[in-house]
Amino acid sequence: MPFDKSLTLRIVSAAVLMPVVLWAIMYGGLPFYILVGAGAAISLYEWFGMTKSKSLWLVGGVVYLLGCFAAFIYLRLYYSQDSGVPFALVLLLCVWATDIGAYFSGKTIGGPKMAPTISPNKTWAGLAGGVVSSVVAFFLFVYYIGPFLGEAIWSTNNLPEGFTMPIIIGLGIMIAIVGQIGDLAISMVKRKVGVKDTGALIPGHGGILDRIDSLLLAAPAFLAALMVFGL
């Protein structure tokens, strides 16, 4: 299976950044505020740079970005006093698993393009692989990763009761699909304004927005789903 030339660089960048992100989310407090504040500020800066000559895109993007970041902050800090950490962690894990599963299944299987005029590299096979990966990641967190972290670090890393298999499958599918829609939304704007990447901050990935485009829309969707299911 052929790999992108930047694959090694992307892996190295992810290996450096992921532990920092996970630590800040689990620790909370000032590190979490710095992480989210820096992410929001850089995302807005990248958005301004892309859409400075298109006022409608600029204003709409600011509202979108601030709303999505606010949803993630609320999910981690305020939605549940005991489950904020695992909620944020399982969301991140599913989004990351979706991206990885979609990349490798898309490269391996190929097939019909999902949105050729917006993101030519995305295929329906990639989406299917991303959905399966997200569901598996959610299942592993509920039954293995969460309990392990709860015993190894502190007890609040367990998700609350109520995550039955139908809910796990449903939420895993929802996160994957909504995340891909969020990815396509940013890609559509990039095509409209004529840029390849939102920035060049992360080697192999582009800008911050290129890295978190799936997470942005998945955060408020996941929060809304938790509220609907009363979890």
Foldseek 3Di string as FASTA:
>chain_A
DDDDPQVVLVVVLCVVVVVLQLVCLVVDDPSVCVVLVVLLVQVLVLQCVLCVPPVVSNVVVNVLSVVLSVLLCCQQPPPDPLASSQLNVLLVQLLVQLVVQLVVQCVVPPDAAPDCVQDVSGRPSSLVRSLVSLLVSLVCQQPPVQVVCCVVPNVSSHDDPDCDSVNSSVLSNVLSVQLVVLLSVVSNSCVVSPHDASAQPRRSQGGSCSVCSSSSRSSNVSSVVCVVSVD
